[in-house]
Amino acid sequence: MCMVIFAPQDKECIRHFHSLFAIFAFATCGGYSGGLRLSVDCANKTESDLSIDVAFAYPFRLHQVTFEVPTCEGKERQKVSLIGDSSSSAEFFVTVAVFAFLYSLAATVVYIFFQNKYRENNRGPLIDFIVTVVFSFLWLVGSSAWAKGLSDVKVATDPKEVLLLMSACKQPSNKCTAVHSPVMSSLNTSVVFGFLNFILWAGNIWFVFKETGWHSSSQRYLSDPMEKHSSSYNRGGYNQDSYGSSSGYNQQASLGPSSDEFGQQSAAPASFTNQM
């Protein structure tokens, strides 16, 4: 079973999670459409409008969302537009999610069907590592920007803030209320998936880096000094032993005469005795 928790070294499994989480991110943001409903009860009941629908959707160019409300001053109506534009952060977030999904899908195909080409000349792992770092950064920036943009969308579509834009609601004789507020649960989910994607991509940097030539060269660089140190230590120990054995032999030789010399010295007194 493909589980990133138990098998993080499996690149195919990790890329599957990248693709899945990217789909959730751009689907919950890019597919959003919502709205709110307001009610204006004028002192003159014939001028009232108890169902004013305000709809908005991705990419959240709220300043382009307009609707008409009664002024409670005859049949004249006021044209009101929402405030704010969060399209840049929303579109950037969705763009990062779409390209992350496409790259994860392409990387999975390469891992499975073109493994030899992927490892040829170490070019594939290096490109994969650089792209993974770039997407990790883009996910962090995009998720942070979209979180701020979503906060602005919530403020701009708050029914209490929208009611302040209507001239009829500034008159105490008229009663303005919010029938229902927009539901933002899917947009909140998109922000969560954005930061989860950042965690997944950032966590995968190390596993991709281990397959690059940079990691193998650093391992060789660390192992070579240790091998040289151990080999020099072994050579030093051997010379020390040989030196010790040779010096000991010389000391033994200098301490006393050899057996031949000792035999010659003992034979001299015997011959002197025979002559006597």
C-alpha atoms as a PDB file:
ATOM      1  CA  MET A   1       0.000   0.000   0.000  1.00  0.00           C
ATOM      2  CA  CYS A   2       1.292   3.441  -0.951  1.00  0.00           C
ATOM      3  CA  MET A   3       1.700   5.312   2.359  1.00  0.00           C
ATOM      4  CA  VAL A   4       3.937   8.369   2.504  1.00  0.00           C
ATOM      5  CA  ILE A   5       4.309   7.991   6.275  1.00  0.00           C
ATOM      6  CA  PHE A   6       5.830   4.516   6.090  1.00  0.00           C
ATOM      7  CA  ALA A   7       7.583   4.718   2.733  1.00  0.00           C
ATOM      8  CA  PRO A   8       8.758   8.277   2.134  1.00  0.00           C
ATOM      9  CA  GLN A   9      11.566   7.078  -0.128  1.00  0.00           C
ATOM     10  CA  ASP A  10       9.063   5.884  -2.727  1.00  0.00           C
ATOM     11  CA  LYS A  11       9.006   8.770  -5.190  1.00  0.00           C
ATOM     12  CA  GLU A  12       5.973   7.473  -7.036  1.00  0.00           C
ATOM     13  CA  CYS A  13       3.888   7.437  -3.861  1.00  0.00           C
ATOM     14  CA  ILE A  14       4.929  10.959  -2.912  1.00  0.00           C
ATOM     15  CA  ARG A  15       4.120  12.278  -6.392  1.00  0.00           C
ATOM     16  CA  HIS A  16       0.692  10.648  -6.179  1.00  0.00           C
ATOM     17  CA  PHE A  17       0.014  12.619  -3.010  1.00  0.00           C
ATOM     18  CA  HIS A  18       1.294  15.782  -4.704  1.00  0.00           C
ATOM     19  CA  SER A  19      -1.158  15.300  -7.560  1.00  0.00           C
ATOM     20  CA  LEU A  20      -4.072  14.523  -5.246  1.00  0.00           C
ATOM     21  CA  PHE A  21      -3.518  17.469  -2.926  1.00  0.00           C
ATOM     22  CA  ALA A  22      -2.974  19.826  -5.855  1.00  0.00           C
ATOM     23  CA  ILE A  23      -6.353  18.798  -7.298  1.00  0.00           C
ATOM     24  CA  PHE A  24      -8.051  19.518  -3.980  1.00  0.00           C
ATOM     25  CA  ALA A  25      -6.320  22.907  -3.757  1.00  0.00           C
ATOM     26  CA  PHE A  26      -7.327  24.316  -7.148  1.00  0.00           C
ATOM     27  CA  ALA A  27     -10.733  22.629  -7.161  1.00  0.00           C
ATOM     28  CA  THR A  28     -11.838  24.123  -3.846  1.00  0.00           C
ATOM     29  CA  CYS A  29     -10.610  27.578  -4.851  1.00  0.00           C
ATOM     30  CA  GLY A  30     -11.109  27.759  -8.614  1.00  0.00           C
ATOM     31  CA  GLY A  31     -14.541  26.138  -8.534  1.00  0.00           C
ATOM     32  CA  TYR A  32     -16.032  28.377  -5.870  1.00  0.00           C
ATOM     33  CA  SER A  33     -19.188  30.401  -6.370  1.00  0.00           C
ATOM     34  CA  GLY A  34     -21.183  31.936  -3.545  1.00  0.00           C
ATOM     35  CA  GLY A  35     -23.365  34.805  -2.589  1.00  0.00           C
ATOM     36  CA  LEU A  36     -25.331  36.598   0.067  1.00  0.00           C
ATOM     37  CA  ARG A  37     -28.887  37.833   0.350  1.00  0.00           C
ATOM     38  CA  LEU A  38     -29.996  41.154   1.788  1.00  0.00           C
ATOM     39  CA  SER A  39     -33.319  42.691   2.677  1.00  0.00           C
ATOM     40  CA  VAL A  40     -34.311  46.375   2.590  1.00  0.00           C
ATOM     41  CA  ASP A  41     -37.629  47.164   4.269  1.00  0.00           C
ATOM     42  CA  CYS A  42     -38.528  50.754   3.488  1.00  0.00           C
ATOM     43  CA  ALA A  43     -40.938  52.892   5.458  1.00  0.00           C
ATOM     44  CA  ASN A  44     -43.054  52.870   2.321  1.00  0.00           C
ATOM     45  CA  LYS A  45     -43.666  49.150   1.903  1.00  0.00           C
ATOM     46  CA  THR A  46     -44.205  49.450  -1.836  1.00  0.00           C
ATOM     47  CA  GLU A  47     -40.579  50.492  -2.274  1.00  0.00           C
ATOM     48  CA  SER A  48     -39.147  47.621  -0.242  1.00  0.00           C
ATOM     49  CA  ASP A  49     -37.039  44.794  -1.637  1.00  0.00           C
ATOM     50  CA  LEU A  50     -36.821  41.844   0.711  1.00  0.00           C
ATOM     51  CA  SER A  51     -34.665  39.624  -1.491  1.00  0.00           C
ATOM     52  CA  ILE A  52     -31.512  41.198  -2.893  1.00  0.00           C
ATOM     53  CA  ASP A  53     -29.076  38.532  -4.128  1.00  0.00           C
ATOM     54  CA  VAL A  54     -25.403  39.327  -4.494  1.00  0.00           C
ATOM     55  CA  ALA A  55     -23.425  36.586  -6.257  1.00  0.00           C
ATOM     56  CA  PHE A  56     -19.653  36.383  -6.643  1.00  0.00           C
ATOM     57  CA  ALA A  57     -17.194  33.701  -7.705  1.00  0.00           C
ATOM     58  CA  TYR A  58     -13.594  32.963  -8.617  1.00  0.00           C
ATOM     59  CA  PRO A  59     -11.393  34.930  -9.426  1.00  0.00           C
ATOM     60  CA  PHE A  60     -13.008  37.334  -6.902  1.00  0.00           C
ATOM     61  CA  ARG A  61     -12.906  40.606  -8.802  1.00  0.00           C
ATOM     62  CA  LEU A  62     -15.386  41.981  -6.327  1.00  0.00           C
ATOM     63  CA  HIS A  63     -15.278  45.545  -7.633  1.00  0.00           C
ATOM     64  CA  GLN A  64     -16.934  44.212 -10.791  1.00  0.00           C
ATOM     65  CA  VAL A  65     -19.844  42.677  -8.851  1.00  0.00           C
ATOM     66  CA  THR A  66     -22.764  45.110  -9.023  1.00  0.00           C
ATOM     67  CA  PHE A  67     -26.363  44.937  -7.877  1.00  0.00           C
ATOM     68  CA  GLU A  68     -29.295  47.333  -7.525  1.00  0.00           C
ATOM     69  CA  VAL A  69     -31.043  48.216  -4.268  1.00  0.00           C
ATOM     70  CA  PRO A  70     -33.982  50.497  -3.496  1.00  0.00           C
ATOM     71  CA  THR A  71     -33.294  53.987  -2.213  1.00  0.00           C
ATOM     72  CA  CYS A  72     -36.652  54.166  -0.413  1.00  0.00           C
ATOM     73  CA  GLU A  73     -37.173  57.507  -2.170  1.00  0.00           C
ATOM     74  CA  GLY A  74     -39.697  56.642  -4.813  1.00  0.00           C
ATOM     75  CA  LYS A  75     -38.947  54.173  -7.580  1.00  0.00           C
ATOM     76  CA  GLU A  76     -35.347  55.230  -7.935  1.00  0.00           C
ATOM     77  CA  ARG A  77     -32.797  52.464  -7.380  1.00  0.00           C
ATOM     78  CA  GLN A  78     -29.158  52.648  -6.400  1.00  0.00           C
ATOM     79  CA  LYS A  79     -26.438  50.702  -8.173  1.00  0.00           C
ATOM     80  CA  VAL A  80     -23.948  49.302  -5.662  1.00  0.00           C
ATOM     81  CA  SER A  81     -20.717  47.392  -6.226  1.00  0.00           C
ATOM     82  CA  LEU A  82     -18.621  45.398  -3.797  1.00  0.00           C
ATOM     83  CA  ILE A  83     -15.182  46.608  -2.740  1.00  0.00           C
ATOM     84  CA  GLY A  84     -11.894  44.840  -3.360  1.00  0.00           C
ATOM     85  CA  ASP A  85     -10.028  42.714  -5.874  1.00  0.00           C
ATOM     86  CA  SER A  86      -8.390  39.464  -4.774  1.00  0.00           C
ATOM     87  CA  SER A  87      -8.013  38.048  -8.268  1.00  0.00           C
ATOM     88  CA  SER A  88      -4.205  38.232  -8.341  1.00  0.00           C
ATOM     89  CA  SER A  89      -3.660  36.072  -5.262  1.00  0.00           C
ATOM     90  CA  ALA A  90      -6.448  33.642  -6.177  1.00  0.00           C
ATOM     91  CA  GLU A  91      -5.257  33.194  -9.760  1.00  0.00           C
ATOM     92  CA  PHE A  92      -1.643  32.782  -8.651  1.00  0.00           C
ATOM     93  CA  PHE A  93      -2.680  30.116  -6.149  1.00  0.00           C
ATOM     94  CA  VAL A  94      -4.703  28.187  -8.723  1.00  0.00           C
ATOM     95  CA  THR A  95      -1.931  28.498 -11.336  1.00  0.00           C
ATOM     96  CA  VAL A  96       0.638  27.037  -8.938  1.00  0.00           C
ATOM     97  CA  ALA A  97      -1.745  24.197  -8.111  1.00  0.00           C
ATOM     98  CA  VAL A  98      -2.411  23.372 -11.762  1.00  0.00           C
ATOM     99  CA  PHE A  99       1.263  23.368 -12.767  1.00  0.00           C
ATOM    100  CA  ALA A 100       2.184  21.370  -9.657  1.00  0.00           C
ATOM    101  CA  PHE A 101      -0.411  18.770 -10.628  1.00  0.00           C
ATOM    102  CA  LEU A 102       0.888  18.576 -14.203  1.00  0.00           C
ATOM    103  CA  TYR A 103       4.507  18.259 -13.102  1.00  0.00           C
ATOM    104  CA  SER A 104       3.680  15.586 -10.517  1.00  0.00           C
ATOM    105  CA  LEU A 105       1.806  13.642 -13.164  1.00  0.00           C
ATOM    106  CA  ALA A 106       4.684  13.930 -15.644  1.00  0.00           C
ATOM    107  CA  ALA A 107       7.260  13.011 -12.978  1.00  0.00           C
ATOM    108  CA  THR A 108       5.295   9.894 -12.056  1.00  0.00           C
ATOM    109  CA  VAL A 109       5.273   8.778 -15.693  1.00  0.00           C
ATOM    110  CA  VAL A 110       9.034   9.346 -15.938  1.00  0.00           C
ATOM    111  CA  TYR A 111       9.698   7.426 -12.709  1.00  0.00           C
ATOM    112  CA  ILE A 112       7.745   4.408 -13.937  1.00  0.00           C
ATOM    113  CA  PHE A 113       8.499   4.193 -17.663  1.00  0.00           C
ATOM    114  CA  PHE A 114      11.728   6.157 -18.179  1.00  0.00           C
ATOM    115  CA  GLN A 115      13.827   5.338 -15.135  1.00  0.00           C
ATOM    116  CA  ASN A 116      17.012   4.766 -17.167  1.00  0.00           C
ATOM    117  CA  LYS A 117      16.672   8.087 -18.970  1.00  0.00           C
ATOM    118  CA  TYR A 118      15.915   9.757 -15.645  1.00  0.00           C
ATOM    119  CA  ARG A 119      19.226   8.644 -14.136  1.00  0.00           C
ATOM    120  CA  GLU A 120      21.309   9.182 -17.263  1.00  0.00           C
ATOM    121  CA  ASN A 121      24.153  11.681 -16.694  1.00  0.00           C
ATOM    122  CA  ASN A 122      22.506  12.611 -13.364  1.00  0.00           C
ATOM    123  CA  ARG A 123      20.476  15.222 -15.277  1.00  0.00           C
ATOM    124  CA  GLY A 124      17.056  13.901 -14.301  1.00  0.00           C
ATOM    125  CA  PRO A 125      17.594  13.968 -10.499  1.00  0.00           C
ATOM    126  CA  LEU A 126      19.134  17.457 -10.675  1.00  0.00           C
ATOM    127  CA  ILE A 127      16.201  18.853 -12.645  1.00  0.00           C
ATOM    128  CA  ASP A 128      13.771  17.101 -10.317  1.00  0.00           C
ATOM    129  CA  PHE A 129      15.515  18.552  -7.264  1.00  0.00           C
ATOM    130  CA  ILE A 130      15.524  22.116  -8.618  1.00  0.00           C
ATOM    131  CA  VAL A 131      11.860  21.951  -9.670  1.00  0.00           C
ATOM    132  CA  THR A 132      10.881  20.530  -6.264  1.00  0.00           C
ATOM    133  CA  VAL A 133      12.614  23.412  -4.466  1.00  0.00           C
ATOM    134  CA  VAL A 134      10.944  25.955  -6.754  1.00  0.00           C
ATOM    135  CA  PHE A 135       7.475  24.495  -6.258  1.00  0.00           C
ATOM    136  CA  SER A 136       7.979  24.368  -2.488  1.00  0.00           C
ATOM    137  CA  PHE A 137       8.712  28.083  -2.523  1.00  0.00           C
ATOM    138  CA  LEU A 138       5.768  28.804  -4.847  1.00  0.00           C
ATOM    139  CA  TRP A 139       3.383  26.856  -2.630  1.00  0.00           C
ATOM    140  CA  LEU A 140       4.494  28.834   0.407  1.00  0.00           C
ATOM    141  CA  VAL A 141       4.146  32.185  -1.356  1.00  0.00           C
ATOM    142  CA  GLY A 142       0.885  31.273  -3.083  1.00  0.00           C
ATOM    143  CA  SER A 143      -0.763  29.880   0.038  1.00  0.00           C
ATOM    144  CA  SER A 144       0.254  32.879   2.126  1.00  0.00           C
ATOM    145  CA  ALA A 145      -0.958  35.328  -0.508  1.00  0.00           C
ATOM    146  CA  TRP A 146      -4.243  33.507  -0.963  1.00  0.00           C
ATOM    147  CA  ALA A 147      -4.803  33.363   2.813  1.00  0.00           C
ATOM    148  CA  LYS A 148      -4.513  37.160   2.886  1.00  0.00           C
ATOM    149  CA  GLY A 149      -6.739  37.459  -0.192  1.00  0.00           C
ATOM    150  CA  LEU A 150      -9.379  35.233   1.364  1.00  0.00           C
ATOM    151  CA  SER A 151      -9.376  37.409   4.458  1.00  0.00           C
ATOM    152  CA  ASP A 152     -10.083  40.429   2.252  1.00  0.00           C
ATOM    153  CA  VAL A 153     -12.888  38.562   0.465  1.00  0.00           C
ATOM    154  CA  LYS A 154     -14.532  37.723   3.779  1.00  0.00           C
ATOM    155  CA  VAL A 155     -14.453  41.349   4.858  1.00  0.00           C
ATOM    156  CA  ALA A 156     -15.749  42.657   1.527  1.00  0.00           C
ATOM    157  CA  THR A 157     -18.633  40.167   1.413  1.00  0.00           C
ATOM    158  CA  ASP A 158     -19.640  40.526   5.043  1.00  0.00           C
ATOM    159  CA  PRO A 159     -23.347  41.508   4.952  1.00  0.00           C
ATOM    160  CA  LYS A 160     -22.801  44.147   7.614  1.00  0.00           C
ATOM    161  CA  GLU A 161     -20.145  45.805   5.458  1.00  0.00           C
ATOM    162  CA  VAL A 162     -22.301  45.577   2.336  1.00  0.00           C
ATOM    163  CA  LEU A 163     -25.276  47.186   4.091  1.00  0.00           C
ATOM    164  CA  LEU A 164     -23.123  50.208   4.872  1.00  0.00           C
ATOM    165  CA  LEU A 165     -22.786  50.831   1.133  1.00  0.00           C
ATOM    166  CA  MET A 166     -26.547  51.404   0.711  1.00  0.00           C
ATOM    167  CA  SER A 167     -27.951  54.877   1.141  1.00  0.00           C
ATOM    168  CA  ALA A 168     -31.344  53.519   2.226  1.00  0.00           C
ATOM    169  CA  CYS A 169     -29.766  51.755   5.195  1.00  0.00           C
ATOM    170  CA  LYS A 170     -28.437  55.044   6.534  1.00  0.00           C
ATOM    171  CA  GLN A 171     -31.958  56.260   7.239  1.00  0.00           C
ATOM    172  CA  PRO A 172     -33.350  55.152  10.625  1.00  0.00           C
ATOM    173  CA  SER A 173     -36.861  54.754   9.224  1.00  0.00           C
ATOM    174  CA  ASN A 174     -35.736  51.907   6.947  1.00  0.00           C
ATOM    175  CA  LYS A 175     -34.833  48.441   8.146  1.00  0.00           C
ATOM    176  CA  CYS A 176     -31.940  46.633   6.449  1.00  0.00           C
ATOM    177  CA  THR A 177     -31.062  43.044   7.379  1.00  0.00           C
ATOM    178  CA  ALA A 178     -28.943  40.175   6.081  1.00  0.00           C
ATOM    179  CA  VAL A 179     -30.981  37.139   5.075  1.00  0.00           C
ATOM    180  CA  HIS A 180     -27.961  34.830   4.793  1.00  0.00           C
ATOM    181  CA  SER A 181     -24.198  35.153   4.607  1.00  0.00           C
ATOM    182  CA  PRO A 182     -21.854  33.495   2.089  1.00  0.00           C
ATOM    183  CA  VAL A 183     -20.465  30.060   2.930  1.00  0.00           C
ATOM    184  CA  MET A 184     -16.664  30.094   2.895  1.00  0.00           C
ATOM    185  CA  SER A 185     -15.906  26.525   4.025  1.00  0.00           C
ATOM    186  CA  SER A 186     -14.498  25.394   0.668  1.00  0.00           C
ATOM    187  CA  LEU A 187     -12.261  28.461   0.450  1.00  0.00           C
ATOM    188  CA  ASN A 188     -10.947  27.785   3.944  1.00  0.00           C
ATOM    189  CA  THR A 189     -10.242  24.227   2.823  1.00  0.00           C
ATOM    190  CA  SER A 190      -8.266  25.498  -0.168  1.00  0.00           C
ATOM    191  CA  VAL A 191      -5.926  27.447   2.123  1.00  0.00           C
ATOM    192  CA  VAL A 192      -5.390  24.344   4.270  1.00  0.00           C
ATOM    193  CA  PHE A 193      -4.568  22.247   1.223  1.00  0.00           C
ATOM    194  CA  GLY A 194      -2.215  24.955   0.027  1.00  0.00           C
ATOM    195  CA  PHE A 195      -0.081  24.755   3.152  1.00  0.00           C
ATOM    196  CA  LEU A 196      -0.313  20.948   3.153  1.00  0.00           C
ATOM    197  CA  ASN A 197       1.086  20.989  -0.370  1.00  0.00           C
ATOM    198  CA  PHE A 198       3.951  23.171   0.829  1.00  0.00           C
ATOM    199  CA  ILE A 199       4.732  20.676   3.598  1.00  0.00           C
ATOM    200  CA  LEU A 200       4.644  17.740   1.166  1.00  0.00           C
ATOM    201  CA  TRP A 201       6.872  19.404  -1.415  1.00  0.00           C
ATOM    202  CA  ALA A 202       9.321  20.747   1.175  1.00  0.00           C
ATOM    203  CA  GLY A 203       9.523  17.342   2.836  1.00  0.00           C
ATOM    204  CA  ASN A 204      10.299  15.706  -0.496  1.00  0.00           C
ATOM    205  CA  ILE A 205      13.343  17.923  -1.116  1.00  0.00           C
ATOM    206  CA  TRP A 206      15.640  15.698   0.951  1.00  0.00           C
ATOM    207  CA  PHE A 207      14.562  12.470  -0.749  1.00  0.00           C
ATOM    208  CA  VAL A 208      15.085  13.975  -4.199  1.00  0.00           C
ATOM    209  CA  PHE A 209      18.420  15.487  -3.165  1.00  0.00           C
ATOM    210  CA  LYS A 210      19.758  12.065  -2.117  1.00  0.00           C
ATOM    211  CA  GLU A 211      19.535  10.891  -5.732  1.00  0.00           C
ATOM    212  CA  THR A 212      21.551  13.781  -7.159  1.00  0.00           C
ATOM    213  CA  GLY A 213      25.267  13.828  -7.847  1.00  0.00           C
ATOM    214  CA  TRP A 214      25.678  16.557  -5.268  1.00  0.00           C
ATOM    215  CA  HIS A 215      24.754  14.175  -2.478  1.00  0.00           C
ATOM    216  CA  SER A 216      26.995  11.345  -3.728  1.00  0.00           C
ATOM    217  CA  SER A 217      29.958  13.701  -4.193  1.00  0.00           C
ATOM    218  CA  SER A 218      29.527  15.060  -0.680  1.00  0.00           C
ATOM    219  CA  GLN A 219      29.445  11.511   0.669  1.00  0.00           C
ATOM    220  CA  ARG A 220      32.708  10.722  -1.140  1.00  0.00           C
ATOM    221  CA  TYR A 221      34.250  13.943   0.144  1.00  0.00           C
ATOM    222  CA  LEU A 222      33.417  12.975   3.713  1.00  0.00           C
ATOM    223  CA  SER A 223      34.594   9.362   3.347  1.00  0.00           C
ATOM    224  CA  ASP A 224      37.977  10.080   1.648  1.00  0.00           C
ATOM    225  CA  PRO A 225      39.617  11.923   4.609  1.00  0.00           C
ATOM    226  CA  MET A 226      38.524   9.164   6.963  1.00  0.00           C
ATOM    227  CA  GLU A 227      40.021   6.495   4.700  1.00  0.00           C
ATOM    228  CA  LYS A 228      43.275   8.443   4.409  1.00  0.00           C
ATOM    229  CA  HIS A 229      43.416   8.879   8.172  1.00  0.00           C
ATOM    230  CA  SER A 230      42.856   5.185   8.827  1.00  0.00           C
ATOM    231  CA  SER A 231      45.425   4.096   6.225  1.00  0.00           C
ATOM    232  CA  SER A 232      48.056   6.470   7.575  1.00  0.00           C
ATOM    233  CA  TYR A 233      47.372   5.220  11.077  1.00  0.00           C
ATOM    234  CA  ASN A 234      47.876   1.629   9.976  1.00  0.00           C
ATOM    235  CA  ARG A 235      51.165   2.464   8.233  1.00  0.00           C
ATOM    236  CA  GLY A 236      52.370   4.332  11.309  1.00  0.00           C
ATOM    237  CA  GLY A 237      51.566   1.419  13.582  1.00  0.00           C
ATOM    238  CA  TYR A 238      53.419  -1.024  11.340  1.00  0.00           C
ATOM    239  CA  ASN A 239      56.573   1.104  11.253  1.00  0.00           C
ATOM    240  CA  GLN A 240      56.437   1.523  14.990  1.00  0.00           C
ATOM    241  CA  ASP A 241      56.257  -2.245  15.513  1.00  0.00           C
ATOM    242  CA  SER A 242      59.086  -2.924  13.125  1.00  0.00           C
ATOM    243  CA  TYR A 243      61.167  -0.240  14.748  1.00  0.00           C
ATOM    244  CA  GLY A 244      60.470  -1.685  18.152  1.00  0.00           C
ATOM    245  CA  SER A 245      61.438  -5.186  17.123  1.00  0.00           C
ATOM    246  CA  SER A 246      64.678  -4.094  15.450  1.00  0.00           C
ATOM    247  CA  SER A 247      65.712  -1.903  18.369  1.00  0.00           C
ATOM    248  CA  GLY A 248      65.027  -4.703  20.794  1.00  0.00           C
ATOM    249  CA  TYR A 249      67.203  -7.021  18.769  1.00  0.00           C
ATOM    250  CA  ASN A 250      70.045  -4.497  18.770  1.00  0.00           C
ATOM    251  CA  GLN A 251      69.726  -4.027  22.515  1.00  0.00           C
ATOM    252  CA  GLN A 252      70.016  -7.764  23.040  1.00  0.00           C
ATOM    253  CA  ALA A 253      73.071  -7.870  20.827  1.00  0.00           C
ATOM    254  CA  SER A 254      74.780  -5.072  22.715  1.00  0.00           C
ATOM    255  CA  LEU A 255      74.103  -6.517  26.160  1.00  0.00           C
ATOM    256  CA  GLY A 256      76.458  -9.487  25.903  1.00  0.00           C
ATOM    257  CA  PRO A 257      78.721 -11.445  23.595  1.00  0.00           C
ATOM    258  CA  SER A 258      77.534 -14.043  21.236  1.00  0.00           C
ATOM    259  CA  SER A 259      77.796 -17.751  21.835  1.00  0.00           C
ATOM    260  CA  ASP A 260      80.841 -18.100  19.568  1.00  0.00           C
ATOM    261  CA  GLU A 261      82.731 -15.371  21.350  1.00  0.00           C
ATOM    262  CA  PHE A 262      81.808 -16.886  24.695  1.00  0.00           C
ATOM    263  CA  GLY A 263      83.165 -20.273  23.536  1.00  0.00           C
ATOM    264  CA  GLN A 264      86.443 -18.760  22.429  1.00  0.00           C
ATOM    265  CA  GLN A 265      86.937 -16.969  25.750  1.00  0.00           C
ATOM    266  CA  SER A 266      86.338 -20.150  27.771  1.00  0.00           C
ATOM    267  CA  ALA A 267      88.731 -22.174  25.602  1.00  0.00           C
ATOM    268  CA  ALA A 268      91.669 -19.873  26.260  1.00  0.00           C
ATOM    269  CA  PRO A 269      92.147 -20.720  29.967  1.00  0.00           C
ATOM    270  CA  ALA A 270      91.942 -24.456  29.201  1.00  0.00           C
ATOM    271  CA  SER A 271      94.845 -24.347  26.728  1.00  0.00           C
ATOM    272  CA  PHE A 272      96.952 -22.315  29.210  1.00  0.00           C
ATOM    273  CA  THR A 273      96.432 -25.006  31.846  1.00  0.00           C
ATOM    274  CA  ASN A 274      97.617 -27.747  29.500  1.00  0.00           C
ATOM    275  CA  GLN A 275     100.863 -25.892  28.827  1.00  0.00           C
ATOM    276  CA  MET A 276     101.539 -25.616  32.552  1.00  0.00           C
END
